[in-house]
């Protein structure tokens, strides 16, 4: 089973989630003012997902591991969930690398 993007409304704004084949959310976007901007965000994930240098491996204040995916200009494209271990976070990154480039878009707007 391959992953997908869920494009949806969040109030008056738009956002997307990238899900793995098991339907678990592996990356969430910021909120965008327009649907077109959210769609551009999806294209940016597709373009940058395979490049390991685009991932920032981080730790929250409570020690939870997470990552962000950034574009060439350093802007954050998406943020992961919180993981209990760095190994789990790294598996999340690998999942984005696999599912990001080719995930189909499911438009729920």
PDB file of N, CA and C in Angstrom:
ATOM      1  N   UNK A   1       0.838  -1.170   0.000  1.00  0.00           N
ATOM      2  CA  UNK A   1       0.000   0.000   0.000  1.00  0.00           C
ATOM      3  C   UNK A   1       0.892   1.245   0.000  1.00  0.00           C
ATOM      4  N   UNK A   2       0.620   2.169  -0.888  1.00  0.00           N
ATOM      5  CA  UNK A   2       1.422   3.393  -0.936  1.00  0.00           C
ATOM      6  C   UNK A   2       0.753   4.502  -0.136  1.00  0.00           C
ATOM      7  N   UNK A   3       1.543   5.515   0.153  1.00  0.00           N
ATOM      8  CA  UNK A   3       1.053   6.630   0.938  1.00  0.00           C
ATOM      9  C   UNK A   3       0.218   7.596   0.125  1.00  0.00           C
ATOM     10  N   UNK A   4      -0.328   8.598   0.827  1.00  0.00           N
ATOM     11  CA  UNK A   4      -1.133   9.611   0.159  1.00  0.00           C
ATOM     12  C   UNK A   4      -1.077  10.925   0.921  1.00  0.00           C
ATOM     13  N   UNK A   5      -1.501  11.958   0.230  1.00  0.00           N
ATOM     14  CA  UNK A   5      -1.650  13.282   0.815  1.00  0.00           C
ATOM     15  C   UNK A   5      -3.133  13.535   1.022  1.00  0.00           C
ATOM     16  N   UNK A   6      -3.482  14.009   2.186  1.00  0.00           N
ATOM     17  CA  UNK A   6      -4.854  14.416   2.467  1.00  0.00           C
ATOM     18  C   UNK A   6      -4.861  15.940   2.511  1.00  0.00           C
ATOM     19  N   UNK A   7      -5.477  16.551   1.517  1.00  0.00           N
ATOM     20  CA  UNK A   7      -5.608  18.006   1.430  1.00  0.00           C
ATOM     21  C   UNK A   7      -6.950  18.369   2.044  1.00  0.00           C
ATOM     22  N   UNK A   8      -6.932  19.267   3.043  1.00  0.00           N
ATOM     23  CA  UNK A   8      -8.178  19.577   3.736  1.00  0.00           C
ATOM     24  C   UNK A   8      -8.217  21.019   4.197  1.00  0.00           C
ATOM     25  N   UNK A   9      -9.407  21.426   4.604  1.00  0.00           N
ATOM     26  CA  UNK A   9      -9.618  22.747   5.181  1.00  0.00           C
ATOM     27  C   UNK A   9      -9.335  22.686   6.668  1.00  0.00           C
ATOM     28  N   UNK A  10      -8.847  23.814   7.165  1.00  0.00           N
ATOM     29  CA  UNK A  10      -8.676  23.994   8.602  1.00  0.00           C
ATOM     30  C   UNK A  10      -9.226  25.382   8.889  1.00  0.00           C
ATOM     31  N   UNK A  11     -10.512  25.430   9.205  1.00  0.00           N
ATOM     32  CA  UNK A  11     -11.182  26.722   9.326  1.00  0.00           C
ATOM     33  C   UNK A  11     -11.258  27.370   7.956  1.00  0.00           C
ATOM     34  N   UNK A  12     -10.753  28.579   7.849  1.00  0.00           N
ATOM     35  CA  UNK A  12     -10.727  29.297   6.568  1.00  0.00           C
ATOM     36  C   UNK A  12      -9.437  29.033   5.795  1.00  0.00           C
ATOM     37  N   UNK A  13      -8.573  28.194   6.349  1.00  0.00           N
ATOM     38  CA  UNK A  13      -7.282  27.919   5.730  1.00  0.00           C
ATOM     39  C   UNK A  13      -7.224  26.485   5.206  1.00  0.00           C
ATOM     40  N   UNK A  14      -6.093  26.146   4.609  1.00  0.00           N
ATOM     41  CA  UNK A  14      -5.892  24.822   4.020  1.00  0.00           C
ATOM     42  C   UNK A  14      -4.596  24.228   4.554  1.00  0.00           C
ATOM     43  N   UNK A  15      -4.546  22.916   4.603  1.00  0.00           N
ATOM     44  CA  UNK A  15      -3.350  22.200   5.043  1.00  0.00           C
ATOM     45  C   UNK A  15      -3.358  20.807   4.426  1.00  0.00           C
ATOM     46  N   UNK A  16      -2.273  20.086   4.605  1.00  0.00           N
ATOM     47  CA  UNK A  16      -2.233  18.702   4.147  1.00  0.00           C
ATOM     48  C   UNK A  16      -1.453  17.846   5.140  1.00  0.00           C
ATOM     49  N   UNK A  17      -1.767  16.568   5.123  1.00  0.00           N
ATOM     50  CA  UNK A  17      -1.016  15.557   5.849  1.00  0.00           C
ATOM     51  C   UNK A  17      -0.524  14.540   4.844  1.00  0.00           C
ATOM     52  N   UNK A  18       0.705  14.098   5.005  1.00  0.00           N
ATOM     53  CA  UNK A  18       1.224  12.967   4.242  1.00  0.00           C
ATOM     54  C   UNK A  18       1.074  11.742   5.122  1.00  0.00           C
ATOM     55  N   UNK A  19       0.413  10.719   4.565  1.00  0.00           N
ATOM     56  CA  UNK A  19       0.207   9.482   5.326  1.00  0.00           C
ATOM     57  C   UNK A  19       0.999   8.345   4.688  1.00  0.00           C
ATOM     58  N   UNK A  20       1.475   7.445   5.522  1.00  0.00           N
ATOM     59  CA  UNK A  20       2.130   6.227   5.049  1.00  0.00           C
ATOM     60  C   UNK A  20       1.055   5.267   4.538  1.00  0.00           C
ATOM     61  N   UNK A  21       1.492   4.170   3.973  1.00  0.00           N
ATOM     62  CA  UNK A  21       0.562   3.174   3.452  1.00  0.00           C
ATOM     63  C   UNK A  21      -0.386   2.611   4.497  1.00  0.00           C
ATOM     64  N   UNK A  22       0.010   2.657   5.776  1.00  0.00           N
ATOM     65  CA  UNK A  22      -0.848   2.163   6.861  1.00  0.00           C
ATOM     66  C   UNK A  22      -1.792   3.250   7.384  1.00  0.00           C
ATOM     67  N   UNK A  23      -1.841   4.397   6.690  1.00  0.00           N
ATOM     68  CA  UNK A  23      -2.703   5.541   6.999  1.00  0.00           C
ATOM     69  C   UNK A  23      -2.273   6.347   8.227  1.00  0.00           C
ATOM     70  N   UNK A  24      -1.068   6.104   8.728  1.00  0.00           N
ATOM     71  CA  UNK A  24      -0.532   6.912   9.820  1.00  0.00           C
ATOM     72  C   UNK A  24       0.043   8.205   9.251  1.00  0.00           C
ATOM     73  N   UNK A  25      -0.262   9.337   9.883  1.00  0.00           N
ATOM     74  CA  UNK A  25       0.272  10.618   9.437  1.00  0.00           C
ATOM     75  C   UNK A  25       1.764  10.658   9.755  1.00  0.00           C
ATOM     76  N   UNK A  26       2.574  10.954   8.726  1.00  0.00           N
ATOM     77  CA  UNK A  26       4.018  11.021   8.912  1.00  0.00           C
ATOM     78  C   UNK A  26       4.567  12.432   8.747  1.00  0.00           C
ATOM     79  N   UNK A  27       3.761  13.342   8.167  1.00  0.00           N
ATOM     80  CA  UNK A  27       4.195  14.723   7.995  1.00  0.00           C
ATOM     81  C   UNK A  27       2.954  15.605   7.909  1.00  0.00           C
ATOM     82  N   UNK A  28       2.972  16.727   8.618  1.00  0.00           N
ATOM     83  CA  UNK A  28       1.863  17.682   8.576  1.00  0.00           C
ATOM     84  C   UNK A  28       2.391  19.036   8.133  1.00  0.00           C
ATOM     85  N   UNK A  29       1.601  19.709   7.306  1.00  0.00           N
ATOM     86  CA  UNK A  29       2.004  21.016   6.800  1.00  0.00           C
ATOM     87  C   UNK A  29       1.594  22.124   7.750  1.00  0.00           C
ATOM     88  N   UNK A  30       2.065  23.311   7.434  1.00  0.00           N
ATOM     89  CA  UNK A  30       1.559  24.521   8.066  1.00  0.00           C
ATOM     90  C   UNK A  30       0.166  24.785   7.494  1.00  0.00           C
ATOM     91  N   UNK A  31      -0.474  25.829   7.947  1.00  0.00           N
ATOM     92  CA  UNK A  31      -1.755  26.232   7.374  1.00  0.00           C
ATOM     93  C   UNK A  31      -1.502  27.302   6.325  1.00  0.00           C
ATOM     94  N   UNK A  32      -2.204  27.177   5.210  1.00  0.00           N
ATOM     95  CA  UNK A  32      -2.044  28.085   4.077  1.00  0.00           C
ATOM     96  C   UNK A  32      -3.320  28.896   3.873  1.00  0.00           C
ATOM     97  N   UNK A  33      -3.168  30.112   3.374  1.00  0.00           N
ATOM     98  CA  UNK A  33      -4.318  30.979   3.120  1.00  0.00           C
ATOM     99  C   UNK A  33      -5.139  30.514   1.928  1.00  0.00           C
ATOM    100  N   UNK A  34      -4.504  29.815   0.982  1.00  0.00           N
ATOM    101  CA  UNK A  34      -5.230  29.370  -0.212  1.00  0.00           C
ATOM    102  C   UNK A  34      -4.970  27.898  -0.504  1.00  0.00           C
ATOM    103  N   UNK A  35      -5.903  27.306  -1.191  1.00  0.00           N
ATOM    104  CA  UNK A  35      -5.765  25.907  -1.610  1.00  0.00           C
ATOM    105  C   UNK A  35      -4.571  25.763  -2.543  1.00  0.00           C
ATOM    106  N   UNK A  36      -4.392  26.714  -3.443  1.00  0.00           N
ATOM    107  CA  UNK A  36      -3.271  26.664  -4.387  1.00  0.00           C
ATOM    108  C   UNK A  36      -1.930  26.646  -3.651  1.00  0.00           C
ATOM    109  N   UNK A  37      -1.816  27.409  -2.578  1.00  0.00           N
ATOM    110  CA  UNK A  37      -0.577  27.424  -1.793  1.00  0.00           C
ATOM    111  C   UNK A  37      -0.341  26.073  -1.125  1.00  0.00           C
ATOM    112  N   UNK A  38      -1.393  25.452  -0.620  1.00  0.00           N
ATOM    113  CA  UNK A  38      -1.266  24.124  -0.018  1.00  0.00           C
ATOM    114  C   UNK A  38      -0.835  23.105  -1.077  1.00  0.00           C
ATOM    115  N   UNK A  39      -1.377  23.220  -2.278  1.00  0.00           N
ATOM    116  CA  UNK A  39      -0.985  22.323  -3.365  1.00  0.00           C
ATOM    117  C   UNK A  39       0.486  22.530  -3.732  1.00  0.00           C
ATOM    118  N   UNK A  40       0.954  23.771  -3.692  1.00  0.00           N
ATOM    119  CA  UNK A  40       2.374  24.043  -3.934  1.00  0.00           C
ATOM    120  C   UNK A  40       3.230  23.420  -2.833  1.00  0.00           C
ATOM    121  N   UNK A  41       2.720  23.421  -1.602  1.00  0.00           N
ATOM    122  CA  UNK A  41       3.417  22.770  -0.494  1.00  0.00           C
ATOM    123  C   UNK A  41       3.578  21.278  -0.743  1.00  0.00           C
ATOM    124  N   UNK A  42       2.535  20.644  -1.248  1.00  0.00           N
ATOM    125  CA  UNK A  42       2.612  19.214  -1.583  1.00  0.00           C
ATOM    126  C   UNK A  42       3.686  18.988  -2.636  1.00  0.00           C
ATOM    127  N   UNK A  43       3.718  19.830  -3.654  1.00  0.00           N
ATOM    128  CA  UNK A  43       4.733  19.692  -4.702  1.00  0.00           C
ATOM    129  C   UNK A  43       6.137  19.881  -4.136  1.00  0.00           C
ATOM    130  N   UNK A  44       6.274  20.753  -3.156  1.00  0.00           N
ATOM    131  CA  UNK A  44       7.568  20.955  -2.516  1.00  0.00           C
ATOM    132  C   UNK A  44       8.000  19.721  -1.733  1.00  0.00           C
ATOM    133  N   UNK A  45       7.058  19.059  -1.056  1.00  0.00           N
ATOM    134  CA  UNK A  45       7.387  17.810  -0.374  1.00  0.00           C
ATOM    135  C   UNK A  45       7.854  16.793  -1.409  1.00  0.00           C
ATOM    136  N   UNK A  46       7.119  16.659  -2.501  1.00  0.00           N
ATOM    137  CA  UNK A  46       7.499  15.695  -3.548  1.00  0.00           C
ATOM    138  C   UNK A  46       8.926  15.942  -4.032  1.00  0.00           C
ATOM    139  N   UNK A  47       9.243  17.215  -4.228  1.00  0.00           N
ATOM    140  CA  UNK A  47      10.553  17.595  -4.762  1.00  0.00           C
ATOM    141  C   UNK A  47      11.675  17.352  -3.756  1.00  0.00           C
ATOM    142  N   UNK A  48      11.426  17.600  -2.483  1.00  0.00           N
ATOM    143  CA  UNK A  48      12.477  17.572  -1.465  1.00  0.00           C
ATOM    144  C   UNK A  48      12.545  16.300  -0.630  1.00  0.00           C
ATOM    145  N   UNK A  49      11.543  15.449  -0.686  1.00  0.00           N
ATOM    146  CA  UNK A  49      11.447  14.297   0.216  1.00  0.00           C
ATOM    147  C   UNK A  49      12.633  13.342   0.124  1.00  0.00           C
ATOM    148  N   UNK A  50      13.172  13.129  -1.059  1.00  0.00           N
ATOM    149  CA  UNK A  50      14.241  12.142  -1.229  1.00  0.00           C
ATOM    150  C   UNK A  50      15.608  12.632  -0.758  1.00  0.00           C
ATOM    151  N   UNK A  51      15.753  13.931  -0.535  1.00  0.00           N
ATOM    152  CA  UNK A  51      17.047  14.527  -0.196  1.00  0.00           C
ATOM    153  C   UNK A  51      17.260  14.539   1.313  1.00  0.00           C
ATOM    154  N   UNK A  52      18.156  13.689   1.802  1.00  0.00           N
ATOM    155  CA  UNK A  52      18.381  13.571   3.243  1.00  0.00           C
ATOM    156  C   UNK A  52      18.819  14.895   3.871  1.00  0.00           C
ATOM    157  N   UNK A  53      19.493  15.745   3.097  1.00  0.00           N
ATOM    158  CA  UNK A  53      19.962  17.026   3.623  1.00  0.00           C
ATOM    159  C   UNK A  53      18.820  17.980   3.957  1.00  0.00           C
ATOM    160  N   UNK A  54      17.613  17.679   3.489  1.00  0.00           N
ATOM    161  CA  UNK A  54      16.452  18.550   3.730  1.00  0.00           C
ATOM    162  C   UNK A  54      15.754  18.252   5.069  1.00  0.00           C
ATOM    163  N   UNK A  55      16.222  17.246   5.792  1.00  0.00           N
ATOM    164  CA  UNK A  55      15.605  16.879   7.065  1.00  0.00           C
ATOM    165  C   UNK A  55      16.396  17.469   8.223  1.00  0.00           C
ATOM    166  N   UNK A  56      15.675  18.057   9.155  1.00  0.00           N
ATOM    167  CA  UNK A  56      16.267  18.558  10.396  1.00  0.00           C
ATOM    168  C   UNK A  56      15.810  17.610  11.497  1.00  0.00           C
ATOM    169  N   UNK A  57      16.757  16.911  12.079  1.00  0.00           N
ATOM    170  CA  UNK A  57      16.477  15.961  13.159  1.00  0.00           C
ATOM    171  C   UNK A  57      16.577  16.719  14.475  1.00  0.00           C
ATOM    172  N   UNK A  58      15.457  16.778  15.191  1.00  0.00           N
ATOM    173  CA  UNK A  58      15.341  17.662  16.348  1.00  0.00           C
ATOM    174  C   UNK A  58      14.847  16.926  17.585  1.00  0.00           C
ATOM    175  N   UNK A  59      14.950  17.604  18.725  1.00  0.00           N
ATOM    176  CA  UNK A  59      14.404  17.086  19.985  1.00  0.00           C
ATOM    177  C   UNK A  59      13.588  18.192  20.640  1.00  0.00           C
ATOM    178  N   UNK A  60      12.412  17.836  21.111  1.00  0.00           N
ATOM    179  CA  UNK A  60      11.539  18.770  21.828  1.00  0.00           C
ATOM    180  C   UNK A  60      12.084  18.976  23.244  1.00  0.00           C
ATOM    181  N   UNK A  61      11.539  19.948  23.943  1.00  0.00           N
ATOM    182  CA  UNK A  61      11.976  20.246  25.310  1.00  0.00           C
ATOM    183  C   UNK A  61      11.842  19.049  26.240  1.00  0.00           C
ATOM    184  N   UNK A  62      10.834  18.212  25.965  1.00  0.00           N
ATOM    185  CA  UNK A  62      10.639  17.030  26.823  1.00  0.00           C
ATOM    186  C   UNK A  62      11.498  15.844  26.383  1.00  0.00           C
ATOM    187  N   UNK A  63      12.336  16.044  25.365  1.00  0.00           N
ATOM    188  CA  UNK A  63      13.220  14.978  24.892  1.00  0.00           C
ATOM    189  C   UNK A  63      12.665  14.161  23.744  1.00  0.00           C
ATOM    190  N   UNK A  64      11.415  14.374  23.394  1.00  0.00           N
ATOM    191  CA  UNK A  64      10.824  13.639  22.272  1.00  0.00           C
ATOM    192  C   UNK A  64      11.548  14.010  20.980  1.00  0.00           C
ATOM    193  N   UNK A  65      11.755  13.006  20.139  1.00  0.00           N
ATOM    194  CA  UNK A  65      12.419  13.223  18.854  1.00  0.00           C
ATOM    195  C   UNK A  65      11.376  13.562  17.797  1.00  0.00           C
ATOM    196  N   UNK A  66      11.728  14.454  16.868  1.00  0.00           N
ATOM    197  CA  UNK A  66      10.868  14.775  15.736  1.00  0.00           C
ATOM    198  C   UNK A  66      11.730  15.316  14.623  1.00  0.00           C
ATOM    199  N   UNK A  67      11.127  15.567  13.475  1.00  0.00           N
ATOM    200  CA  UNK A  67      11.881  16.139  12.371  1.00  0.00           C
ATOM    201  C   UNK A  67      11.024  17.133  11.608  1.00  0.00           C
ATOM    202  N   UNK A  68      11.720  17.997  10.886  1.00  0.00           N
ATOM    203  CA  UNK A  68      11.063  18.879   9.934  1.00  0.00           C
ATOM    204  C   UNK A  68      11.682  18.612   8.568  1.00  0.00           C
ATOM    205  N   UNK A  69      10.903  18.849   7.534  1.00  0.00           N
ATOM    206  CA  UNK A  69      11.382  18.807   6.161  1.00  0.00           C
ATOM    207  C   UNK A  69      11.423  20.243   5.681  1.00  0.00           C
ATOM    208  N   UNK A  70      12.574  20.674   5.164  1.00  0.00           N
ATOM    209  CA  UNK A  70      12.722  22.054   4.733  1.00  0.00           C
ATOM    210  C   UNK A  70      13.011  22.129   3.234  1.00  0.00           C
ATOM    211  N   UNK A  71      12.608  23.232   2.644  1.00  0.00           N
ATOM    212  CA  UNK A  71      12.887  23.495   1.230  1.00  0.00           C
ATOM    213  C   UNK A  71      14.317  24.025   1.092  1.00  0.00           C
ATOM    214  N   UNK A  72      14.759  24.208  -0.140  1.00  0.00           N
ATOM    215  CA  UNK A  72      16.109  24.703  -0.408  1.00  0.00           C
ATOM    216  C   UNK A  72      16.359  26.057   0.247  1.00  0.00           C
ATOM    217  N   UNK A  73      15.310  26.863   0.405  1.00  0.00           N
ATOM    218  CA  UNK A  73      15.457  28.188   1.021  1.00  0.00           C
ATOM    219  C   UNK A  73      15.405  28.143   2.552  1.00  0.00           C
ATOM    220  N   UNK A  74      15.304  26.939   3.126  1.00  0.00           N
ATOM    221  CA  UNK A  74      15.281  26.780   4.571  1.00  0.00           C
ATOM    222  C   UNK A  74      13.908  26.861   5.206  1.00  0.00           C
ATOM    223  N   UNK A  75      12.881  27.165   4.414  1.00  0.00           N
ATOM    224  CA  UNK A  75      11.511  27.237   4.947  1.00  0.00           C
ATOM    225  C   UNK A  75      10.998  25.834   5.274  1.00  0.00           C
ATOM    226  N   UNK A  76      10.315  25.719   6.402  1.00  0.00           N
ATOM    227  CA  UNK A  76       9.752  24.423   6.807  1.00  0.00           C
ATOM    228  C   UNK A  76       8.555  24.092   5.919  1.00  0.00           C
ATOM    229  N   UNK A  77       8.592  22.899   5.337  1.00  0.00           N
ATOM    230  CA  UNK A  77       7.485  22.410   4.499  1.00  0.00           C
ATOM    231  C   UNK A  77       6.521  21.595   5.352  1.00  0.00           C
ATOM    232  N   UNK A  78       7.071  20.812   6.258  1.00  0.00           N
ATOM    233  CA  UNK A  78       6.227  19.963   7.097  1.00  0.00           C
ATOM    234  C   UNK A  78       6.957  19.537   8.358  1.00  0.00           C
ATOM    235  N   UNK A  79       6.174  19.108   9.334  1.00  0.00           N
ATOM    236  CA  UNK A  79       6.688  18.686  10.632  1.00  0.00           C
ATOM    237  C   UNK A  79       6.113  17.315  10.968  1.00  0.00           C
ATOM    238  N   UNK A  80       6.936  16.491  11.578  1.00  0.00           N
ATOM    239  CA  UNK A  80       6.500  15.145  11.956  1.00  0.00           C
ATOM    240  C   UNK A  80       5.755  15.158  13.279  1.00  0.00           C
ATOM    241  N   UNK A  81       5.268  13.992  13.646  1.00  0.00           N
ATOM    242  CA  UNK A  81       4.737  13.791  14.985  1.00  0.00           C
ATOM    243  C   UNK A  81       5.915  13.674  15.947  1.00  0.00           C
ATOM    244  N   UNK A  82       5.643  13.550  17.233  1.00  0.00           N
ATOM    245  CA  UNK A  82       6.683  13.321  18.230  1.00  0.00           C
ATOM    246  C   UNK A  82       6.916  11.823  18.365  1.00  0.00           C
ATOM    247  N   UNK A  83       8.170  11.443  18.443  1.00  0.00           N
ATOM    248  CA  UNK A  83       8.555  10.037  18.584  1.00  0.00           C
ATOM    249  C   UNK A  83       9.239   9.830  19.929  1.00  0.00           C
ATOM    250  N   UNK A  84       9.145   8.618  20.450  1.00  0.00           N
ATOM    251  CA  UNK A  84       9.763   8.326  21.740  1.00  0.00           C
ATOM    252  C   UNK A  84      11.256   8.041  21.622  1.00  0.00           C
ATOM    253  N   UNK A  85      11.715   7.658  20.428  1.00  0.00           N
ATOM    254  CA  UNK A  85      13.134   7.372  20.232  1.00  0.00           C
ATOM    255  C   UNK A  85      13.626   7.994  18.927  1.00  0.00           C
ATOM    256  N   UNK A  86      14.929   8.187  18.835  1.00  0.00           N
ATOM    257  CA  UNK A  86      15.504   8.702  17.590  1.00  0.00           C
ATOM    258  C   UNK A  86      15.400   7.656  16.483  1.00  0.00           C
ATOM    259  N   UNK A  87      15.455   6.380  16.837  1.00  0.00           N
ATOM    260  CA  UNK A  87      15.310   5.326  15.828  1.00  0.00           C
ATOM    261  C   UNK A  87      13.927   5.375  15.187  1.00  0.00           C
ATOM    262  N   UNK A  88      12.897   5.606  15.994  1.00  0.00           N
ATOM    263  CA  UNK A  88      11.532   5.711  15.452  1.00  0.00           C
ATOM    264  C   UNK A  88      11.422   6.957  14.564  1.00  0.00           C
ATOM    265  N   UNK A  89      12.026   8.064  14.995  1.00  0.00           N
ATOM    266  CA  UNK A  89      12.026   9.275  14.175  1.00  0.00           C
ATOM    267  C   UNK A  89      12.690   9.004  12.829  1.00  0.00           C
ATOM    268  N   UNK A  90      13.815   8.301  12.850  1.00  0.00           N
ATOM    269  CA  UNK A  90      14.534   8.019  11.606  1.00  0.00           C
ATOM    270  C   UNK A  90      13.718   7.124  10.679  1.00  0.00           C
ATOM    271  N   UNK A  91      12.919   6.227  11.238  1.00  0.00           N
ATOM    272  CA  UNK A  91      12.002   5.412  10.417  1.00  0.00           C
ATOM    273  C   UNK A  91      10.930   6.305   9.796  1.00  0.00           C
ATOM    274  N   UNK A  92      10.480   7.326  10.546  1.00  0.00           N
ATOM    275  CA  UNK A  92       9.522   8.284  10.002  1.00  0.00           C
ATOM    276  C   UNK A  92      10.103   9.030   8.809  1.00  0.00           C
ATOM    277  N   UNK A  93      11.364   9.430   8.909  1.00  0.00           N
ATOM    278  CA  UNK A  93      12.032  10.106   7.799  1.00  0.00           C
ATOM    279  C   UNK A  93      12.087   9.188   6.582  1.00  0.00           C
ATOM    280  N   UNK A  94      12.464   7.940   6.800  1.00  0.00           N
ATOM    281  CA  UNK A  94      12.527   6.988   5.684  1.00  0.00           C
ATOM    282  C   UNK A  94      11.156   6.809   5.040  1.00  0.00           C
ATOM    283  N   UNK A  95      10.112   6.836   5.843  1.00  0.00           N
ATOM    284  CA  UNK A  95       8.756   6.707   5.311  1.00  0.00           C
ATOM    285  C   UNK A  95       8.390   7.907   4.440  1.00  0.00           C
ATOM    286  N   UNK A  96       8.790   9.112   4.848  1.00  0.00           N
ATOM    287  CA  UNK A  96       8.536  10.294   4.018  1.00  0.00           C
ATOM    288  C   UNK A  96       9.308  10.177   2.704  1.00  0.00           C
ATOM    289  N   UNK A  97      10.543   9.691   2.768  1.00  0.00           N
ATOM    290  CA  UNK A  97      11.348   9.517   1.557  1.00  0.00           C
ATOM    291  C   UNK A  97      10.674   8.556   0.574  1.00  0.00           C
ATOM    292  N   UNK A  98      10.037   7.513   1.105  1.00  0.00           N
ATOM    293  CA  UNK A  98       9.371   6.511   0.263  1.00  0.00           C
ATOM    294  C   UNK A  98       8.025   7.013  -0.248  1.00  0.00           C
ATOM    295  N   UNK A  99       7.220   7.599   0.620  1.00  0.00           N
ATOM    296  CA  UNK A  99       5.845   7.964   0.276  1.00  0.00           C
ATOM    297  C   UNK A  99       5.681   9.361  -0.298  1.00  0.00           C
ATOM    298  N   UNK A 100       6.602  10.268   0.020  1.00  0.00           N
ATOM    299  CA  UNK A 100       6.473  11.655  -0.398  1.00  0.00           C
ATOM    300  C   UNK A 100       6.480  11.909  -1.895  1.00  0.00           C
ATOM    301  N   UNK A 101       7.435  11.325  -2.632  1.00  0.00           N
ATOM    302  CA  UNK A 101       7.538  11.666  -4.056  1.00  0.00           C
ATOM    303  C   UNK A 101       6.333  11.268  -4.911  1.00  0.00           C
ATOM    304  N   UNK A 102       5.670  10.181  -4.566  1.00  0.00           N
ATOM    305  CA  UNK A 102       4.629   9.654  -5.457  1.00  0.00           C
ATOM    306  C   UNK A 102       3.246   9.535  -4.830  1.00  0.00           C
ATOM    307  N   UNK A 103       3.073   9.999  -3.613  1.00  0.00           N
ATOM    308  CA  UNK A 103       1.767   9.875  -2.957  1.00  0.00           C
ATOM    309  C   UNK A 103       0.681  10.582  -3.741  1.00  0.00           C
ATOM    310  N   UNK A 104      -0.462   9.945  -3.831  1.00  0.00           N
ATOM    311  CA  UNK A 104      -1.607  10.556  -4.528  1.00  0.00           C
ATOM    312  C   UNK A 104      -2.264  11.569  -3.599  1.00  0.00           C
ATOM    313  N   UNK A 105      -2.893  12.572  -4.185  1.00  0.00           N
ATOM    314  CA  UNK A 105      -3.573  13.609  -3.408  1.00  0.00           C
ATOM    315  C   UNK A 105      -5.055  13.274  -3.309  1.00  0.00           C
ATOM    316  N   UNK A 106      -5.553  13.217  -2.087  1.00  0.00           N
ATOM    317  CA  UNK A 106      -6.970  13.046  -1.835  1.00  0.00           C
ATOM    318  C   UNK A 106      -7.497  14.395  -1.342  1.00  0.00           C
ATOM    319  N   UNK A 107      -8.289  15.029  -2.163  1.00  0.00           N
ATOM    320  CA  UNK A 107      -8.778  16.366  -1.878  1.00  0.00           C
ATOM    321  C   UNK A 107     -10.060  16.279  -1.057  1.00  0.00           C
ATOM    322  N   UNK A 108      -9.988  16.656   0.214  1.00  0.00           N
ATOM    323  CA  UNK A 108     -11.137  16.624   1.107  1.00  0.00           C
ATOM    324  C   UNK A 108     -11.662  18.027   1.400  1.00  0.00           C
ATOM    325  N   UNK A 109     -11.301  18.988   0.542  1.00  0.00           N
ATOM    326  CA  UNK A 109     -11.766  20.347   0.772  1.00  0.00           C
ATOM    327  C   UNK A 109     -13.189  20.478   0.315  1.00  0.00           C
TER     328      UNK A 109
END
